[in-house]
Amino acid sequence: MAPGPAAEICGSVTAGVLGAVVAVPLVSVVWSVFTALRTPPVPLSPPPAAPAR
């Protein structure tokens, strides 16, 4: 006997919640590693002087 529509919806919701629980920390770790290893670009020219007040 095949499961009914309620079981399919419950399984989809459960899979979505478990996916979010795994995906959010994974993206956080990847972003932290990316920002730690990234070097800021070197400016090509010095910034303009601020005008006198």
PDB file of N, CA and C in Angstrom:
ATOM      1  N   MET A   1       0.844  -1.176   0.000  1.00  0.00           N
ATOM      2  CA  MET A   1       0.000   0.000   0.000  1.00  0.00           C
ATOM      3  C   MET A   1       0.895   1.248   0.000  1.00  0.00           C
ATOM      4  N   ALA A   2       0.598   2.173  -0.872  1.00  0.00           N
ATOM      5  CA  ALA A   2       1.386   3.401  -0.983  1.00  0.00           C
ATOM      6  C   ALA A   2       0.985   4.393   0.104  1.00  0.00           C
ATOM      7  N   PRO A   3       1.945   5.186   0.578  1.00  0.00           N
ATOM      8  CA  PRO A   3       1.598   6.192   1.597  1.00  0.00           C
ATOM      9  C   PRO A   3       0.693   7.261   0.999  1.00  0.00           C
ATOM     10  N   GLY A   4      -0.105   7.868   1.834  1.00  0.00           N
ATOM     11  CA  GLY A   4      -1.046   8.895   1.388  1.00  0.00           C
ATOM     12  C   GLY A   4      -0.364  10.242   1.208  1.00  0.00           C
ATOM     13  N   PRO A   5      -1.125  11.232   0.753  1.00  0.00           N
ATOM     14  CA  PRO A   5      -0.565  12.563   0.508  1.00  0.00           C
ATOM     15  C   PRO A   5      -0.040  13.230   1.775  1.00  0.00           C
ATOM     16  N   ALA A   6      -0.645  12.925   2.922  1.00  0.00           N
ATOM     17  CA  ALA A   6      -0.177  13.540   4.167  1.00  0.00           C
ATOM     18  C   ALA A   6       1.243  13.091   4.492  1.00  0.00           C
ATOM     19  N   ALA A   7       1.542  11.823   4.218  1.00  0.00           N
ATOM     20  CA  ALA A   7       2.890  11.315   4.470  1.00  0.00           C
ATOM     21  C   ALA A   7       3.896  11.956   3.531  1.00  0.00           C
ATOM     22  N   GLU A   8       3.483  12.206   2.290  1.00  0.00           N
ATOM     23  CA  GLU A   8       4.381  12.846   1.333  1.00  0.00           C
ATOM     24  C   GLU A   8       4.683  14.281   1.748  1.00  0.00           C
ATOM     25  N   ILE A   9       3.663  14.987   2.220  1.00  0.00           N
ATOM     26  CA  ILE A   9       3.860  16.377   2.658  1.00  0.00           C
ATOM     27  C   ILE A   9       4.753  16.404   3.893  1.00  0.00           C
ATOM     28  N   CYS A  10       4.471  15.501   4.833  1.00  0.00           N
ATOM     29  CA  CYS A  10       5.275  15.443   6.060  1.00  0.00           C
ATOM     30  C   CYS A  10       6.731  15.107   5.732  1.00  0.00           C
ATOM     31  N   GLY A  11       6.943  14.206   4.791  1.00  0.00           N
ATOM     32  CA  GLY A  11       8.305  13.851   4.394  1.00  0.00           C
ATOM     33  C   GLY A  11       9.010  15.008   3.713  1.00  0.00           C
ATOM     34  N   SER A  12       8.274  15.760   2.909  1.00  0.00           N
ATOM     35  CA  SER A  12       8.870  16.912   2.236  1.00  0.00           C
ATOM     36  C   SER A  12       9.259  17.997   3.234  1.00  0.00           C
ATOM     37  N   VAL A  13       8.378  18.242   4.201  1.00  0.00           N
ATOM     38  CA  VAL A  13       8.671  19.248   5.230  1.00  0.00           C
ATOM     39  C   VAL A  13       9.865  18.810   6.065  1.00  0.00           C
ATOM     40  N   THR A  14       9.895  17.542   6.443  1.00  0.00           N
ATOM     41  CA  THR A  14      11.016  17.024   7.231  1.00  0.00           C
ATOM     42  C   THR A  14      12.323  17.133   6.451  1.00  0.00           C
ATOM     43  N   ALA A  15      12.297  16.792   5.175  1.00  0.00           N
ATOM     44  CA  ALA A  15      13.504  16.902   4.351  1.00  0.00           C
ATOM     45  C   ALA A  15      13.943  18.351   4.219  1.00  0.00           C
ATOM     46  N   GLY A  16      12.985  19.266   4.089  1.00  0.00           N
ATOM     47  CA  GLY A  16      13.329  20.688   3.992  1.00  0.00           C
ATOM     48  C   GLY A  16      13.961  21.214   5.261  1.00  0.00           C
ATOM     49  N   VAL A  17      13.411  20.839   6.407  1.00  0.00           N
ATOM     50  CA  VAL A  17      13.968  21.286   7.688  1.00  0.00           C
ATOM     51  C   VAL A  17      15.355  20.702   7.897  1.00  0.00           C
ATOM     52  N   LEU A  18      15.529  19.416   7.632  1.00  0.00           N
ATOM     53  CA  LEU A  18      16.856  18.801   7.782  1.00  0.00           C
ATOM     54  C   LEU A  18      17.852  19.404   6.798  1.00  0.00           C
ATOM     55  N   GLY A  19      17.398  19.705   5.590  1.00  0.00           N
ATOM     56  CA  GLY A  19      18.281  20.360   4.621  1.00  0.00           C
ATOM     57  C   GLY A  19      18.729  21.722   5.096  1.00  0.00           C
ATOM     58  N   ALA A  20      17.816  22.488   5.686  1.00  0.00           N
ATOM     59  CA  ALA A  20      18.173  23.812   6.194  1.00  0.00           C
ATOM     60  C   ALA A  20      19.135  23.705   7.378  1.00  0.00           C
ATOM     61  N   VAL A  21      18.901  22.712   8.230  1.00  0.00           N
ATOM     62  CA  VAL A  21      19.781  22.521   9.392  1.00  0.00           C
ATOM     63  C   VAL A  21      21.195  22.190   8.940  1.00  0.00           C
ATOM     64  N   VAL A  22      21.344  21.507   7.839  1.00  0.00           N
ATOM     65  CA  VAL A  22      22.670  21.165   7.319  1.00  0.00           C
ATOM     66  C   VAL A  22      23.232  22.314   6.478  1.00  0.00           C
ATOM     67  N   ALA A  23      22.396  22.950   5.662  1.00  0.00           N
ATOM     68  CA  ALA A  23      22.877  23.948   4.704  1.00  0.00           C
ATOM     69  C   ALA A  23      23.333  25.236   5.369  1.00  0.00           C
ATOM     70  N   VAL A  24      22.618  25.714   6.378  1.00  0.00           N
ATOM     71  CA  VAL A  24      22.962  27.005   6.987  1.00  0.00           C
ATOM     72  C   VAL A  24      24.343  26.970   7.636  1.00  0.00           C
ATOM     73  N   PRO A  25      24.657  26.005   8.492  1.00  0.00           N
ATOM     74  CA  PRO A  25      26.014  25.975   9.051  1.00  0.00           C
ATOM     75  C   PRO A  25      27.090  25.739   7.985  1.00  0.00           C
ATOM     76  N   LEU A  26      26.767  24.948   6.970  1.00  0.00           N
ATOM     77  CA  LEU A  26      27.739  24.682   5.908  1.00  0.00           C
ATOM     78  C   LEU A  26      28.074  25.962   5.153  1.00  0.00           C
ATOM     79  N   VAL A  27      27.072  26.741   4.806  1.00  0.00           N
ATOM     80  CA  VAL A  27      27.309  28.015   4.118  1.00  0.00           C
ATOM     81  C   VAL A  27      28.071  28.970   5.026  1.00  0.00           C
ATOM     82  N   SER A  28      27.767  28.969   6.308  1.00  0.00           N
ATOM     83  CA  SER A  28      28.471  29.835   7.261  1.00  0.00           C
ATOM     84  C   SER A  28      29.960  29.490   7.328  1.00  0.00           C
ATOM     85  N   VAL A  29      30.277  28.219   7.380  1.00  0.00           N
ATOM     86  CA  VAL A  29      31.683  27.797   7.440  1.00  0.00           C
ATOM     87  C   VAL A  29      32.400  28.154   6.139  1.00  0.00           C
ATOM     88  N   VAL A  30      31.757  27.902   5.003  1.00  0.00           N
ATOM     89  CA  VAL A  30      32.380  28.226   3.715  1.00  0.00           C
ATOM     90  C   VAL A  30      32.620  29.722   3.605  1.00  0.00           C
ATOM     91  N   TRP A  31      31.663  30.542   4.038  1.00  0.00           N
ATOM     92  CA  TRP A  31      31.824  32.002   3.969  1.00  0.00           C
ATOM     93  C   TRP A  31      32.957  32.469   4.895  1.00  0.00           C
ATOM     94  N   SER A  32      33.062  31.890   6.076  1.00  0.00           N
ATOM     95  CA  SER A  32      34.130  32.265   7.007  1.00  0.00           C
ATOM     96  C   SER A  32      35.501  31.921   6.435  1.00  0.00           C
ATOM     97  N   VAL A  33      35.625  30.752   5.844  1.00  0.00           N
ATOM     98  CA  VAL A  33      36.898  30.354   5.240  1.00  0.00           C
ATOM     99  C   VAL A  33      37.226  31.270   4.067  1.00  0.00           C
ATOM    100  N   PHE A  34      36.229  31.586   3.252  1.00  0.00           N
ATOM    101  CA  PHE A  34      36.441  32.473   2.102  1.00  0.00           C
ATOM    102  C   PHE A  34      36.922  33.851   2.550  1.00  0.00           C
ATOM    103  N   THR A  35      36.281  34.436   3.560  1.00  0.00           N
ATOM    104  CA  THR A  35      36.683  35.777   4.009  1.00  0.00           C
ATOM    105  C   THR A  35      38.039  35.747   4.714  1.00  0.00           C
ATOM    106  N   ALA A  36      38.375  34.643   5.370  1.00  0.00           N
ATOM    107  CA  ALA A  36      39.671  34.552   6.040  1.00  0.00           C
ATOM    108  C   ALA A  36      40.809  34.430   5.030  1.00  0.00           C
ATOM    109  N   LEU A  37      40.572  33.744   3.921  1.00  0.00           N
ATOM    110  CA  LEU A  37      41.631  33.518   2.938  1.00  0.00           C
ATOM    111  C   LEU A  37      41.704  34.621   1.874  1.00  0.00           C
ATOM    112  N   ARG A  38      40.662  35.421   1.764  1.00  0.00           N
ATOM    113  CA  ARG A  38      40.623  36.461   0.725  1.00  0.00           C
ATOM    114  C   ARG A  38      41.546  37.610   1.108  1.00  0.00           C
ATOM    115  N   THR A  39      42.314  38.075   0.143  1.00  0.00           N
ATOM    116  CA  THR A  39      43.147  39.254   0.364  1.00  0.00           C
ATOM    117  C   THR A  39      42.486  40.438  -0.333  1.00  0.00           C
ATOM    118  N   PRO A  40      42.421  41.590   0.331  1.00  0.00           N
ATOM    119  CA  PRO A  40      41.783  42.741  -0.300  1.00  0.00           C
ATOM    120  C   PRO A  40      42.599  43.219  -1.500  1.00  0.00           C
ATOM    121  N   PRO A  41      41.949  43.756  -2.521  1.00  0.00           N
ATOM    122  CA  PRO A  41      42.682  44.224  -3.698  1.00  0.00           C
ATOM    123  C   PRO A  41      43.567  45.433  -3.363  1.00  0.00           C
ATOM    124  N   VAL A  42      44.680  45.508  -4.039  1.00  0.00           N
ATOM    125  CA  VAL A  42      45.621  46.611  -3.832  1.00  0.00           C
ATOM    126  C   VAL A  42      45.113  47.816  -4.625  1.00  0.00           C
ATOM    127  N   PRO A  43      44.989  48.995  -3.994  1.00  0.00           N
ATOM    128  CA  PRO A  43      44.534  50.165  -4.748  1.00  0.00           C
ATOM    129  C   PRO A  43      45.575  50.589  -5.784  1.00  0.00           C
ATOM    130  N   LEU A  44      45.102  51.013  -6.949  1.00  0.00           N
ATOM    131  CA  LEU A  44      46.015  51.402  -8.015  1.00  0.00           C
ATOM    132  C   LEU A  44      46.599  52.794  -7.797  1.00  0.00           C
ATOM    133  N   SER A  45      45.865  53.645  -7.144  1.00  0.00           N
ATOM    134  CA  SER A  45      46.357  54.994  -6.869  1.00  0.00           C
ATOM    135  C   SER A  45      45.946  55.372  -5.455  1.00  0.00           C
ATOM    136  N   PRO A  46      46.645  56.342  -4.853  1.00  0.00           N
ATOM    137  CA  PRO A  46      46.269  56.742  -3.500  1.00  0.00           C
ATOM    138  C   PRO A  46      44.896  57.431  -3.508  1.00  0.00           C
ATOM    139  N   PRO A  47      44.177  57.351  -2.413  1.00  0.00           N
ATOM    140  CA  PRO A  47      42.875  57.997  -2.379  1.00  0.00           C
ATOM    141  C   PRO A  47      43.014  59.519  -2.438  1.00  0.00           C
ATOM    142  N   PRO A  48      42.025  60.232  -2.961  1.00  0.00           N
ATOM    143  CA  PRO A  48      42.131  61.691  -3.054  1.00  0.00           C
ATOM    144  C   PRO A  48      42.142  62.318  -1.666  1.00  0.00           C
ATOM    145  N   ALA A  49      42.813  63.451  -1.555  1.00  0.00           N
ATOM    146  CA  ALA A  49      42.907  64.162  -0.283  1.00  0.00           C
ATOM    147  C   ALA A  49      41.535  64.737   0.072  1.00  0.00           C
ATOM    148  N   ALA A  50      41.245  64.764   1.347  1.00  0.00           N
ATOM    149  CA  ALA A  50      39.980  65.340   1.796  1.00  0.00           C
ATOM    150  C   ALA A  50      40.041  66.859   1.668  1.00  0.00           C
ATOM    151  N   PRO A  51      38.948  67.498   1.246  1.00  0.00           N
ATOM    152  CA  PRO A  51      38.963  68.964   1.110  1.00  0.00           C
ATOM    153  C   PRO A  51      39.068  69.640   2.480  1.00  0.00           C
ATOM    154  N   ALA A  52      39.716  70.802   2.496  1.00  0.00           N
ATOM    155  CA  ALA A  52      39.870  71.557   3.744  1.00  0.00           C
ATOM    156  C   ALA A  52      38.519  72.153   4.135  1.00  0.00           C
ATOM    157  N   ARG A  53      38.286  72.235   5.396  1.00  0.00           N
ATOM    158  CA  ARG A  53      37.006  72.809   5.889  1.00  0.00           C
ATOM    159  C   ARG A  53      37.157  74.226   6.284  1.00  0.00           C
TER     160      ARG A  53
END
